[in-house]
Amino acid sequence: MDQTLSGFGTVFVFLALGIFFVVAGFLTARLLRPSRPNPEKNSTYECGEPAVGSAWVKFNIRFYVVALIFIIFDVEVVFLYPWATVFKPLGAFALVEVLIFAVILILGLVYAWVKGDLDWVRPTPTIPKMPEMPTRDSGRANG
């Protein structure tokens, strides 16, 4: 009789080992670390500033937009690193490809800049108002 594991058996063994290592790591850390809680350690820590007020503060949506734009460009630039490590054997074709990629990135940055998404405070648009025109019925009394 064949004693090898089926595909499901292999997955189960890896899953069980993964769970075991996670639980063993947590238990080992709990046994070895010192436990001396105090109010200062249990307080919320944010960038070295003491927590003031409620955590349910409305943030300016601009913060999230700038963060998303940064992440998009940061991740795209990370794709340049593997290309740069193998640049020489790829030749001129790869150079043209990466230049096209860089131009697309620059166009995206220019688009975000022109649209005003990189400005922290957007100017509020002024909406022109039309003066009220007198109507025919404005002089008559209702009756």
Protein backbone atom coordinates (compact mmCIF):
# COMPACT_ATOMS: atom_id res chain seq x y z
CA MET A 1 0.00 0.00 0.00
CA ASP A 2 1.29 3.47 -0.94
CA GLN A 3 2.08 5.60 2.14
CA THR A 4 2.54 9.01 0.44
CA LEU A 5 0.22 11.91 1.28
CA SER A 6 -2.36 13.09 -1.18
CA GLY A 7 -2.44 16.76 -2.23
CA PHE A 8 -4.94 17.53 0.54
CA GLY A 9 -2.76 15.77 3.11
CA THR A 10 0.22 17.92 2.15
CA VAL A 11 -1.85 21.10 2.45
CA PHE A 12 -3.12 19.94 5.85
CA VAL A 13 0.40 19.24 7.12
CA PHE A 14 1.62 22.71 6.03
CA LEU A 15 -1.47 24.35 7.53
CA ALA A 16 -0.99 22.49 10.84
CA LEU A 17 2.72 23.41 10.94
CA GLY A 18 1.92 27.05 10.19
CA ILE A 19 -0.63 27.21 13.00
CA PHE A 20 1.80 25.46 15.36
CA PHE A 21 4.63 27.93 14.63
CA VAL A 22 2.36 30.94 15.13
CA VAL A 23 0.97 29.64 18.42
CA ALA A 24 4.44 28.58 19.61
CA GLY A 25 5.82 32.04 18.79
CA PHE A 26 3.06 33.79 20.74
CA LEU A 27 3.46 31.46 23.73
CA THR A 28 7.24 31.85 23.77
CA ALA A 29 6.94 35.64 23.59
CA ARG A 30 4.39 35.65 26.42
CA LEU A 31 6.68 33.55 28.62
CA LEU A 32 9.85 35.56 27.94
CA ARG A 33 8.68 39.16 27.85
CA PRO A 34 8.30 41.28 30.97
CA SER A 35 4.77 42.36 31.84
CA ARG A 36 4.68 45.70 33.65
CA PRO A 37 1.64 47.61 32.35
CA ASN A 38 1.06 51.21 33.39
CA PRO A 39 -1.24 53.98 32.10
CA GLU A 40 1.49 55.58 29.99
CA LYS A 41 2.30 52.29 28.21
CA ASN A 42 -1.37 51.58 27.62
CA SER A 43 -2.11 55.03 26.16
CA THR A 44 -2.41 55.55 22.43
CA TYR A 45 0.90 56.51 20.82
CA GLU A 46 0.88 58.56 17.68
CA CYS A 47 4.07 60.07 16.30
CA GLY A 48 5.39 61.07 19.71
CA GLU A 49 2.49 63.41 20.35
CA PRO A 50 0.28 62.87 23.40
CA ALA A 51 -3.23 61.80 22.56
CA VAL A 52 -5.68 64.68 22.92
CA GLY A 53 -9.42 64.39 22.50
CA SER A 54 -11.43 61.68 20.84
CA ALA A 55 -10.08 59.29 18.25
CA TRP A 56 -13.19 59.92 16.13
CA VAL A 57 -11.89 63.11 14.54
CA LYS A 58 -12.74 63.86 10.93
CA PHE A 59 -9.60 64.10 8.84
CA ASN A 60 -9.29 66.19 5.76
CA ILE A 61 -9.86 63.94 2.73
CA ARG A 62 -6.79 65.57 1.14
CA PHE A 63 -4.57 63.53 3.48
CA TYR A 64 -5.89 60.28 2.04
CA VAL A 65 -5.67 61.49 -1.56
CA VAL A 66 -2.04 62.55 -1.17
CA ALA A 67 -1.23 59.26 0.60
CA LEU A 68 -2.85 57.22 -2.22
CA ILE A 69 -0.99 59.17 -4.90
CA PHE A 70 2.27 58.59 -3.01
CA ILE A 71 1.59 54.85 -2.73
CA ILE A 72 0.73 54.57 -6.43
CA PHE A 73 3.95 56.27 -7.56
CA ASP A 74 6.04 54.52 -4.91
CA VAL A 75 4.87 51.07 -5.99
CA GLU A 76 5.39 51.88 -9.65
CA VAL A 77 8.93 53.08 -8.99
CA VAL A 78 9.63 49.81 -7.15
CA PHE A 79 9.04 48.05 -10.46
CA LEU A 80 12.06 49.91 -11.84
CA TYR A 81 14.47 48.17 -9.45
CA PRO A 82 14.20 44.65 -10.97
CA TRP A 83 14.49 46.19 -14.42
CA ALA A 84 17.63 48.09 -13.39
CA THR A 85 19.30 44.95 -12.01
CA VAL A 86 19.06 43.17 -15.36
CA PHE A 87 19.37 46.20 -17.64
CA LYS A 88 22.59 45.42 -19.48
CA PRO A 89 21.60 42.12 -21.14
CA LEU A 90 18.26 43.54 -22.26
CA GLY A 91 19.76 46.19 -24.50
CA ALA A 92 18.22 49.27 -26.09
CA PHE A 93 14.72 47.77 -26.30
CA ALA A 94 14.49 47.66 -22.50
CA LEU A 95 15.77 51.23 -22.26
CA VAL A 96 13.00 52.42 -24.59
CA GLU A 97 10.43 50.43 -22.59
CA VAL A 98 11.49 51.94 -19.26
CA LEU A 99 11.53 55.43 -20.77
CA ILE A 100 7.93 54.90 -21.92
CA PHE A 101 7.09 53.69 -18.41
CA ALA A 102 8.75 56.77 -16.88
CA VAL A 103 6.91 59.08 -19.29
CA ILE A 104 3.60 57.50 -18.28
CA LEU A 105 4.50 58.06 -14.61
CA ILE A 106 5.44 61.67 -15.29
CA LEU A 107 2.19 62.25 -17.21
CA GLY A 108 0.24 60.83 -14.27
CA LEU A 109 2.09 63.12 -11.89
CA VAL A 110 1.49 66.15 -14.12
CA TYR A 111 -2.21 65.23 -14.36
CA ALA A 112 -2.52 65.00 -10.57
CA TRP A 113 -0.64 68.28 -10.20
CA VAL A 114 -2.74 70.18 -12.77
CA LYS A 115 -5.95 68.78 -11.30
CA GLY A 116 -4.85 70.17 -7.92
CA ASP A 117 -4.66 66.86 -6.10
CA LEU A 118 -1.20 67.64 -4.75
CA ASP A 119 -2.29 70.91 -3.14
CA TRP A 120 -3.02 70.48 0.54
CA VAL A 121 -5.74 73.14 0.57
CA ARG A 122 -7.83 73.59 -2.51
CA PRO A 123 -9.19 77.04 -3.24
CA THR A 124 -12.96 77.12 -2.90
CA PRO A 125 -14.59 77.84 -6.22
CA THR A 126 -16.69 80.99 -6.48
CA ILE A 127 -19.99 80.41 -8.17
CA PRO A 128 -21.24 83.46 -10.06
CA LYS A 129 -24.80 84.45 -9.23
CA MET A 130 -27.21 85.98 -11.68
CA PRO A 131 -29.10 89.07 -10.50
CA GLU A 132 -32.79 88.46 -10.08
CA MET A 133 -34.81 89.70 -12.98
CA PRO A 134 -38.14 91.32 -12.21
CA THR A 135 -41.10 89.32 -13.44
CA ARG A 136 -44.40 90.62 -14.83
CA ASP A 137 -46.33 89.38 -11.85
CA SER A 138 -44.04 90.94 -9.27
CA GLY A 139 -45.94 94.26 -9.26
CA ARG A 140 -49.44 92.76 -8.98
CA ALA A 141 -51.12 91.88 -5.74
CA ASN A 142 -52.40 88.37 -5.39
CA GLY A 143 -56.13 88.30 -5.27
